[in-house]
């Protein structure tokens, strides 16, 4: 029993002292008057060096003012979004002149997605070959076959007999030739695309076809349809850049 009293007696005394101190603090707080409200000078002045003063929260505009802003009477300046900006031309783009089968010509910078190589199936070697655009001198494309696919319908409902119509669409198969700056040329089948940024800032997607179909285009009679337009050649040259600089001067 004496051992228990000796163990717990100091603890009980300490708890009683802490309780009396807490009650005294509460009474002192009750007796102490509340601090005066801060002045405007104290609010504007930062409490610590380097801490900016509080900013005013703008009031909500009235309903009529909101409508006027929507109608354009009081337009707000549009903030520039840096995340929406994109580089027009990547650093690995190369200058080139593109000629289409309809005679149109486009000049500017070209590049492959993620700077990947252009792949061609070399028919002579019976194997795929990869080329960087920067390693090529030119690309040439010519039709291997030009075909007209006729539209058709069933002769009668429930019949298995097909009737061909006068209308249809073109589809072509191409053979592509890669001419590198050094090494042997490669001719064969190529399916791929690259991007073009012209000197006036317009961006285009150019496609090298293995097989091109006009099925999604308007159908018509063979003699009425326009030929399919494709990339006929790509010359990797910068001579047009010199001409553009001479015009500016």
C-alpha atoms as a PDB file:
ATOM      1  CA  UNK A   1       0.000   0.000   0.000  1.00  0.00           C
ATOM      2  CA  UNK A   2       2.775   2.445   0.917  1.00  0.00           C
ATOM      3  CA  UNK A   3       4.472   1.691  -2.414  1.00  0.00           C
ATOM      4  CA  UNK A   4       1.284   2.555  -4.318  1.00  0.00           C
ATOM      5  CA  UNK A   5       0.832   5.823  -2.394  1.00  0.00           C
ATOM      6  CA  UNK A   6       4.446   6.810  -3.008  1.00  0.00           C
ATOM      7  CA  UNK A   7       4.018   6.113  -6.751  1.00  0.00           C
ATOM      8  CA  UNK A   8       0.742   7.962  -7.371  1.00  0.00           C
ATOM      9  CA  UNK A   9       0.985  10.821  -4.877  1.00  0.00           C
ATOM     10  CA  UNK A  10       3.434  12.962  -6.948  1.00  0.00           C
ATOM     11  CA  UNK A  11       1.372  12.408 -10.081  1.00  0.00           C
ATOM     12  CA  UNK A  12      -1.869  13.535  -8.378  1.00  0.00           C
ATOM     13  CA  UNK A  13      -0.157  16.608  -6.944  1.00  0.00           C
ATOM     14  CA  UNK A  14       1.192  17.564 -10.378  1.00  0.00           C
ATOM     15  CA  UNK A  15      -2.236  17.185 -11.990  1.00  0.00           C
ATOM     16  CA  UNK A  16      -3.777  19.422  -9.328  1.00  0.00           C
ATOM     17  CA  UNK A  17      -1.160  22.121  -9.896  1.00  0.00           C
ATOM     18  CA  UNK A  18      -1.767  22.051 -13.689  1.00  0.00           C
ATOM     19  CA  UNK A  19      -5.528  22.323 -13.187  1.00  0.00           C
ATOM     20  CA  UNK A  20      -5.136  25.377 -10.875  1.00  0.00           C
ATOM     21  CA  UNK A  21      -2.794  27.034 -13.424  1.00  0.00           C
ATOM     22  CA  UNK A  22      -5.301  26.506 -16.251  1.00  0.00           C
ATOM     23  CA  UNK A  23      -8.136  28.053 -14.190  1.00  0.00           C
ATOM     24  CA  UNK A  24      -5.960  31.045 -13.346  1.00  0.00           C
ATOM     25  CA  UNK A  25      -5.129  31.575 -17.011  1.00  0.00           C
ATOM     26  CA  UNK A  26      -8.817  31.503 -17.963  1.00  0.00           C
ATOM     27  CA  UNK A  27      -9.659  34.103 -15.310  1.00  0.00           C
ATOM     28  CA  UNK A  28      -6.796  36.308 -16.480  1.00  0.00           C
ATOM     29  CA  UNK A  29      -8.051  36.057 -20.052  1.00  0.00           C
ATOM     30  CA  UNK A  30     -11.560  37.026 -18.989  1.00  0.00           C
ATOM     31  CA  UNK A  31     -10.301  40.050 -17.119  1.00  0.00           C
ATOM     32  CA  UNK A  32      -8.004  41.172 -19.973  1.00  0.00           C
ATOM     33  CA  UNK A  33      -9.791  43.577 -22.383  1.00  0.00           C
ATOM     34  CA  UNK A  34      -9.935  42.540 -26.103  1.00  0.00           C
ATOM     35  CA  UNK A  35      -7.288  44.139 -28.385  1.00  0.00           C
ATOM     36  CA  UNK A  36      -8.396  47.200 -30.368  1.00  0.00           C
ATOM     37  CA  UNK A  37      -9.253  46.664 -34.072  1.00  0.00           C
ATOM     38  CA  UNK A  38      -6.278  47.240 -36.440  1.00  0.00           C
ATOM     39  CA  UNK A  39      -5.976  50.574 -38.195  1.00  0.00           C
ATOM     40  CA  UNK A  40      -5.815  50.969 -41.992  1.00  0.00           C
ATOM     41  CA  UNK A  41      -2.121  51.829 -41.719  1.00  0.00           C
ATOM     42  CA  UNK A  42      -1.443  48.582 -39.869  1.00  0.00           C
ATOM     43  CA  UNK A  43      -3.376  46.600 -42.485  1.00  0.00           C
ATOM     44  CA  UNK A  44      -1.466  48.121 -45.428  1.00  0.00           C
ATOM     45  CA  UNK A  45       1.898  47.721 -43.716  1.00  0.00           C
ATOM     46  CA  UNK A  46       3.308  44.171 -43.897  1.00  0.00           C
ATOM     47  CA  UNK A  47       3.815  42.467 -40.578  1.00  0.00           C
ATOM     48  CA  UNK A  48       7.087  40.882 -41.697  1.00  0.00           C
ATOM     49  CA  UNK A  49       9.752  42.117 -44.080  1.00  0.00           C
ATOM     50  CA  UNK A  50       9.215  40.726 -47.577  1.00  0.00           C
ATOM     51  CA  UNK A  51       5.515  39.981 -47.023  1.00  0.00           C
ATOM     52  CA  UNK A  52       3.361  41.876 -49.573  1.00  0.00           C
ATOM     53  CA  UNK A  53       0.343  43.843 -48.388  1.00  0.00           C
ATOM     54  CA  UNK A  54      -3.056  42.212 -48.807  1.00  0.00           C
ATOM     55  CA  UNK A  55      -4.696  42.685 -52.207  1.00  0.00           C
ATOM     56  CA  UNK A  56      -8.163  44.077 -52.656  1.00  0.00           C
ATOM     57  CA  UNK A  57     -10.758  41.600 -53.917  1.00  0.00           C
ATOM     58  CA  UNK A  58     -12.640  43.190 -56.833  1.00  0.00           C
ATOM     59  CA  UNK A  59     -16.351  43.501 -56.412  1.00  0.00           C
ATOM     60  CA  UNK A  60     -18.651  41.343 -58.496  1.00  0.00           C
ATOM     61  CA  UNK A  61     -19.840  43.407 -61.496  1.00  0.00           C
ATOM     62  CA  UNK A  62     -23.506  44.138 -61.801  1.00  0.00           C
ATOM     63  CA  UNK A  63     -25.673  42.088 -64.151  1.00  0.00           C
ATOM     64  CA  UNK A  64     -25.952  44.894 -66.685  1.00  0.00           C
ATOM     65  CA  UNK A  65     -22.188  45.317 -66.747  1.00  0.00           C
ATOM     66  CA  UNK A  66     -21.714  41.595 -67.423  1.00  0.00           C
ATOM     67  CA  UNK A  67     -24.164  41.783 -70.330  1.00  0.00           C
ATOM     68  CA  UNK A  68     -22.340  44.819 -71.743  1.00  0.00           C
ATOM     69  CA  UNK A  69     -19.027  42.947 -71.625  1.00  0.00           C
ATOM     70  CA  UNK A  70     -20.593  39.988 -73.441  1.00  0.00           C
ATOM     71  CA  UNK A  71     -21.940  42.277 -76.170  1.00  0.00           C
ATOM     72  CA  UNK A  72     -18.520  43.856 -76.656  1.00  0.00           C
ATOM     73  CA  UNK A  73     -19.170  47.319 -75.149  1.00  0.00           C
ATOM     74  CA  UNK A  74     -16.484  46.819 -72.519  1.00  0.00           C
ATOM     75  CA  UNK A  75     -14.215  44.009 -73.734  1.00  0.00           C
ATOM     76  CA  UNK A  76     -11.555  42.662 -71.412  1.00  0.00           C
ATOM     77  CA  UNK A  77      -8.012  42.122 -72.668  1.00  0.00           C
ATOM     78  CA  UNK A  78      -7.406  38.446 -73.347  1.00  0.00           C
ATOM     79  CA  UNK A  79      -4.529  36.993 -71.398  1.00  0.00           C
ATOM     80  CA  UNK A  80      -1.864  35.147 -73.345  1.00  0.00           C
ATOM     81  CA  UNK A  81      -1.686  31.441 -72.613  1.00  0.00           C
ATOM     82  CA  UNK A  82       1.943  30.291 -72.815  1.00  0.00           C
ATOM     83  CA  UNK A  83       0.878  26.639 -72.752  1.00  0.00           C
ATOM     84  CA  UNK A  84      -1.066  27.111 -76.016  1.00  0.00           C
ATOM     85  CA  UNK A  85       2.019  28.315 -77.869  1.00  0.00           C
ATOM     86  CA  UNK A  86       3.795  25.773 -80.011  1.00  0.00           C
ATOM     87  CA  UNK A  87       6.951  25.944 -82.006  1.00  0.00           C
ATOM     88  CA  UNK A  88       6.068  26.487 -85.642  1.00  0.00           C
ATOM     89  CA  UNK A  89       9.073  24.576 -86.989  1.00  0.00           C
ATOM     90  CA  UNK A  90      11.176  22.073 -85.007  1.00  0.00           C
ATOM     91  CA  UNK A  91      14.948  22.412 -85.105  1.00  0.00           C
ATOM     92  CA  UNK A  92      15.338  19.198 -87.123  1.00  0.00           C
ATOM     93  CA  UNK A  93      13.106  20.402 -90.007  1.00  0.00           C
ATOM     94  CA  UNK A  94      14.735  20.687 -93.432  1.00  0.00           C
ATOM     95  CA  UNK A  95      13.891  23.025 -96.339  1.00  0.00           C
ATOM     96  CA  UNK A  96      12.131  21.424 -99.309  1.00  0.00           C
ATOM     97  CA  UNK A  97      10.040  22.090-102.402  1.00  0.00           C
ATOM     98  CA  UNK A  98       6.980  19.897-102.920  1.00  0.00           C
ATOM     99  CA  UNK A  99       5.348  19.475-106.321  1.00  0.00           C
ATOM    100  CA  UNK A 100       1.883  17.925-106.589  1.00  0.00           C
ATOM    101  CA  UNK A 101       0.459  15.992-109.514  1.00  0.00           C
ATOM    102  CA  UNK A 102      -1.891  18.866-110.405  1.00  0.00           C
ATOM    103  CA  UNK A 103       1.064  21.255-110.823  1.00  0.00           C
ATOM    104  CA  UNK A 104       0.769  23.028-107.467  1.00  0.00           C
ATOM    105  CA  UNK A 105       4.064  23.824-105.724  1.00  0.00           C
ATOM    106  CA  UNK A 106       4.657  24.406-102.014  1.00  0.00           C
ATOM    107  CA  UNK A 107       7.944  25.526-100.455  1.00  0.00           C
ATOM    108  CA  UNK A 108       8.936  25.562 -96.816  1.00  0.00           C
ATOM    109  CA  UNK A 109      10.275  23.338 -94.049  1.00  0.00           C
ATOM    110  CA  UNK A 110       9.378  19.670 -93.736  1.00  0.00           C
ATOM    111  CA  UNK A 111       9.796  17.177 -90.905  1.00  0.00           C
ATOM    112  CA  UNK A 112       8.645  13.771 -89.802  1.00  0.00           C
ATOM    113  CA  UNK A 113       6.685  13.237 -86.558  1.00  0.00           C
ATOM    114  CA  UNK A 114       9.160  13.028 -83.654  1.00  0.00           C
ATOM    115  CA  UNK A 115      11.993  13.238 -86.207  1.00  0.00           C
ATOM    116  CA  UNK A 116      11.380   9.617 -87.166  1.00  0.00           C
ATOM    117  CA  UNK A 117      12.777   8.146 -90.392  1.00  0.00           C
ATOM    118  CA  UNK A 118      10.774   7.605 -93.578  1.00  0.00           C
ATOM    119  CA  UNK A 119      10.399   3.891 -94.395  1.00  0.00           C
ATOM    120  CA  UNK A 120      10.186   2.303 -97.824  1.00  0.00           C
ATOM    121  CA  UNK A 121       9.930  -1.320 -98.932  1.00  0.00           C
ATOM    122  CA  UNK A 122      12.756  -1.729-101.426  1.00  0.00           C
ATOM    123  CA  UNK A 123      11.432  -4.116-104.066  1.00  0.00           C
ATOM    124  CA  UNK A 124      14.891  -4.873-105.429  1.00  0.00           C
ATOM    125  CA  UNK A 125      16.268  -5.948-102.040  1.00  0.00           C
ATOM    126  CA  UNK A 126      12.913  -7.274-100.787  1.00  0.00           C
ATOM    127  CA  UNK A 127      13.467  -5.471 -97.476  1.00  0.00           C
ATOM    128  CA  UNK A 128      12.461  -2.307 -95.635  1.00  0.00           C
ATOM    129  CA  UNK A 129      14.836   0.645 -95.511  1.00  0.00           C
ATOM    130  CA  UNK A 130      14.735   3.732 -93.279  1.00  0.00           C
ATOM    131  CA  UNK A 131      15.944   7.192 -94.355  1.00  0.00           C
ATOM    132  CA  UNK A 132      16.174  10.475 -92.473  1.00  0.00           C
ATOM    133  CA  UNK A 133      14.793  13.409 -94.447  1.00  0.00           C
ATOM    134  CA  UNK A 134      18.061  15.241 -93.865  1.00  0.00           C
ATOM    135  CA  UNK A 135      19.911  12.384 -95.658  1.00  0.00           C
ATOM    136  CA  UNK A 136      17.720  12.528 -98.777  1.00  0.00           C
ATOM    137  CA  UNK A 137      18.278  14.488-101.965  1.00  0.00           C
ATOM    138  CA  UNK A 138      14.778  13.970-103.365  1.00  0.00           C
ATOM    139  CA  UNK A 139      11.658  11.766-103.351  1.00  0.00           C
ATOM    140  CA  UNK A 140       9.768  10.906-106.545  1.00  0.00           C
ATOM    141  CA  UNK A 141       6.355   9.280-106.846  1.00  0.00           C
ATOM    142  CA  UNK A 142       4.650   7.947-109.969  1.00  0.00           C
ATOM    143  CA  UNK A 143       1.484   5.906-110.493  1.00  0.00           C
ATOM    144  CA  UNK A 144       2.067   2.216-111.102  1.00  0.00           C
ATOM    145  CA  UNK A 145      -1.600   1.528-111.862  1.00  0.00           C
ATOM    146  CA  UNK A 146      -4.577   3.885-112.268  1.00  0.00           C
ATOM    147  CA  UNK A 147      -7.938   2.206-111.812  1.00  0.00           C
ATOM    148  CA  UNK A 148     -11.646   3.058-111.921  1.00  0.00           C
ATOM    149  CA  UNK A 149     -13.860   1.203-109.464  1.00  0.00           C
ATOM    150  CA  UNK A 150     -17.491   1.084-110.614  1.00  0.00           C
ATOM    151  CA  UNK A 151     -20.390   1.459-108.228  1.00  0.00           C
ATOM    152  CA  UNK A 152     -22.893  -1.400-108.091  1.00  0.00           C
ATOM    153  CA  UNK A 153     -26.214  -2.460-106.644  1.00  0.00           C
ATOM    154  CA  UNK A 154     -28.237  -5.628-106.293  1.00  0.00           C
ATOM    155  CA  UNK A 155     -30.433  -6.323-109.337  1.00  0.00           C
ATOM    156  CA  UNK A 156     -33.510  -6.928-107.206  1.00  0.00           C
ATOM    157  CA  UNK A 157     -34.323  -7.053-103.534  1.00  0.00           C
ATOM    158  CA  UNK A 158     -33.220 -10.418-102.186  1.00  0.00           C
ATOM    159  CA  UNK A 159     -31.249 -11.189-105.356  1.00  0.00           C
ATOM    160  CA  UNK A 160     -27.560 -12.183-105.353  1.00  0.00           C
ATOM    161  CA  UNK A 161     -26.940 -10.727-108.831  1.00  0.00           C
ATOM    162  CA  UNK A 162     -24.907  -7.498-108.964  1.00  0.00           C
ATOM    163  CA  UNK A 163     -25.515  -4.727-111.485  1.00  0.00           C
ATOM    164  CA  UNK A 164     -22.626  -2.349-112.247  1.00  0.00           C
ATOM    165  CA  UNK A 165     -23.375   1.367-112.626  1.00  0.00           C
ATOM    166  CA  UNK A 166     -21.766   4.031-114.794  1.00  0.00           C
ATOM    167  CA  UNK A 167     -20.519   5.943-111.739  1.00  0.00           C
ATOM    168  CA  UNK A 168     -17.582   5.110-109.532  1.00  0.00           C
ATOM    169  CA  UNK A 169     -14.272   6.419-108.180  1.00  0.00           C
ATOM    170  CA  UNK A 170     -10.543   6.295-108.928  1.00  0.00           C
ATOM    171  CA  UNK A 171      -7.930   4.423-106.950  1.00  0.00           C
ATOM    172  CA  UNK A 172      -4.227   4.387-107.723  1.00  0.00           C
ATOM    173  CA  UNK A 173      -1.209   2.349-106.695  1.00  0.00           C
ATOM    174  CA  UNK A 174       2.154   4.162-106.613  1.00  0.00           C
ATOM    175  CA  UNK A 175       5.830   3.376-106.721  1.00  0.00           C
ATOM    176  CA  UNK A 176       8.102   5.694-104.723  1.00  0.00           C
ATOM    177  CA  UNK A 177      11.809   6.331-105.200  1.00  0.00           C
ATOM    178  CA  UNK A 178      14.111   7.675-102.496  1.00  0.00           C
ATOM    179  CA  UNK A 179      17.329   9.274-103.736  1.00  0.00           C
ATOM    180  CA  UNK A 180      19.793   9.769-100.873  1.00  0.00           C
ATOM    181  CA  UNK A 181      22.637  12.289-100.861  1.00  0.00           C
ATOM    182  CA  UNK A 182      25.040   9.368-100.640  1.00  0.00           C
ATOM    183  CA  UNK A 183      24.367   5.749-101.506  1.00  0.00           C
ATOM    184  CA  UNK A 184      21.992   3.813-103.736  1.00  0.00           C
ATOM    185  CA  UNK A 185      18.431   4.786-104.555  1.00  0.00           C
ATOM    186  CA  UNK A 186      15.562   2.707-103.193  1.00  0.00           C
ATOM    187  CA  UNK A 187      12.332   2.146-105.146  1.00  0.00           C
ATOM    188  CA  UNK A 188       9.220   0.423-103.926  1.00  0.00           C
ATOM    189  CA  UNK A 189       6.185   0.878-101.702  1.00  0.00           C
ATOM    190  CA  UNK A 190       5.926   3.704 -99.184  1.00  0.00           C
ATOM    191  CA  UNK A 191       3.156   4.612 -96.757  1.00  0.00           C
ATOM    192  CA  UNK A 192       4.000   7.639 -94.665  1.00  0.00           C
ATOM    193  CA  UNK A 193       3.401  11.270 -93.916  1.00  0.00           C
ATOM    194  CA  UNK A 194       5.361  14.392 -93.064  1.00  0.00           C
ATOM    195  CA  UNK A 195       4.522  17.953 -92.094  1.00  0.00           C
ATOM    196  CA  UNK A 196       5.154  21.092 -94.108  1.00  0.00           C
ATOM    197  CA  UNK A 197       5.335  24.667 -92.835  1.00  0.00           C
ATOM    198  CA  UNK A 198       5.310  27.143 -95.709  1.00  0.00           C
ATOM    199  CA  UNK A 199       7.107  30.484 -95.560  1.00  0.00           C
ATOM    200  CA  UNK A 200       3.819  32.318 -94.966  1.00  0.00           C
ATOM    201  CA  UNK A 201       3.160  30.248 -91.821  1.00  0.00           C
ATOM    202  CA  UNK A 202       0.620  27.744 -93.174  1.00  0.00           C
ATOM    203  CA  UNK A 203       0.945  24.159 -91.978  1.00  0.00           C
ATOM    204  CA  UNK A 204       0.060  21.178 -94.153  1.00  0.00           C
ATOM    205  CA  UNK A 205       0.199  17.406 -93.869  1.00  0.00           C
ATOM    206  CA  UNK A 206       1.716  15.655 -96.888  1.00  0.00           C
ATOM    207  CA  UNK A 207       1.152  11.941 -97.482  1.00  0.00           C
ATOM    208  CA  UNK A 208       3.175   9.441 -99.467  1.00  0.00           C
ATOM    209  CA  UNK A 209       0.733   6.784-100.620  1.00  0.00           C
ATOM    210  CA  UNK A 210       1.227   3.143-101.426  1.00  0.00           C
ATOM    211  CA  UNK A 211      -2.403   2.976-102.493  1.00  0.00           C
ATOM    212  CA  UNK A 212      -4.729   5.981-102.695  1.00  0.00           C
ATOM    213  CA  UNK A 213      -8.496   5.731-102.970  1.00  0.00           C
ATOM    214  CA  UNK A 214     -11.056   8.340-103.975  1.00  0.00           C
ATOM    215  CA  UNK A 215     -13.894   6.393-102.418  1.00  0.00           C
ATOM    216  CA  UNK A 216     -14.629   9.156 -99.902  1.00  0.00           C
ATOM    217  CA  UNK A 217     -14.744  11.773-102.682  1.00  0.00           C
ATOM    218  CA  UNK A 218     -17.878  12.452-104.791  1.00  0.00           C
ATOM    219  CA  UNK A 219     -18.484   9.621-107.273  1.00  0.00           C
ATOM    220  CA  UNK A 220     -19.227  10.157-110.943  1.00  0.00           C
ATOM    221  CA  UNK A 221     -18.693   8.888-114.455  1.00  0.00           C
ATOM    222  CA  UNK A 222     -15.111   8.116-115.429  1.00  0.00           C
ATOM    223  CA  UNK A 223     -14.844  10.953-117.956  1.00  0.00           C
ATOM    224  CA  UNK A 224     -16.292  13.448-115.479  1.00  0.00           C
ATOM    225  CA  UNK A 225     -14.035  12.710-112.512  1.00  0.00           C
ATOM    226  CA  UNK A 226     -10.841  14.652-111.829  1.00  0.00           C
ATOM    227  CA  UNK A 227      -7.651  12.621-111.335  1.00  0.00           C
ATOM    228  CA  UNK A 228      -6.472  12.000-107.787  1.00  0.00           C
ATOM    229  CA  UNK A 229      -3.959  14.533-106.487  1.00  0.00           C
ATOM    230  CA  UNK A 230      -0.787  13.175-104.897  1.00  0.00           C
ATOM    231  CA  UNK A 231       2.720  14.297-103.964  1.00  0.00           C
ATOM    232  CA  UNK A 232       4.702  13.939-107.193  1.00  0.00           C
ATOM    233  CA  UNK A 233       8.136  14.995-105.939  1.00  0.00           C
ATOM    234  CA  UNK A 234       9.941  16.384-102.909  1.00  0.00           C
ATOM    235  CA  UNK A 235      13.189  18.256-103.558  1.00  0.00           C
ATOM    236  CA  UNK A 236      15.305  18.899-100.489  1.00  0.00           C
ATOM    237  CA  UNK A 237      16.776  22.280-101.380  1.00  0.00           C
ATOM    238  CA  UNK A 238      17.062  25.766 -99.887  1.00  0.00           C
ATOM    239  CA  UNK A 239      17.318  27.782-103.131  1.00  0.00           C
ATOM    240  CA  UNK A 240      13.890  29.316-102.542  1.00  0.00           C
ATOM    241  CA  UNK A 241      15.090  30.750 -99.212  1.00  0.00           C
ATOM    242  CA  UNK A 242      17.744  32.784-101.029  1.00  0.00           C
ATOM    243  CA  UNK A 243      15.142  34.076-103.482  1.00  0.00           C
ATOM    244  CA  UNK A 244      12.865  35.082-100.584  1.00  0.00           C
ATOM    245  CA  UNK A 245      15.723  37.036 -98.960  1.00  0.00           C
ATOM    246  CA  UNK A 246      16.481  38.796-102.255  1.00  0.00           C
ATOM    247  CA  UNK A 247      12.837  39.871-102.564  1.00  0.00           C
ATOM    248  CA  UNK A 248      12.892  41.348 -99.059  1.00  0.00           C
ATOM    249  CA  UNK A 249      16.015  43.351 -99.883  1.00  0.00           C
END
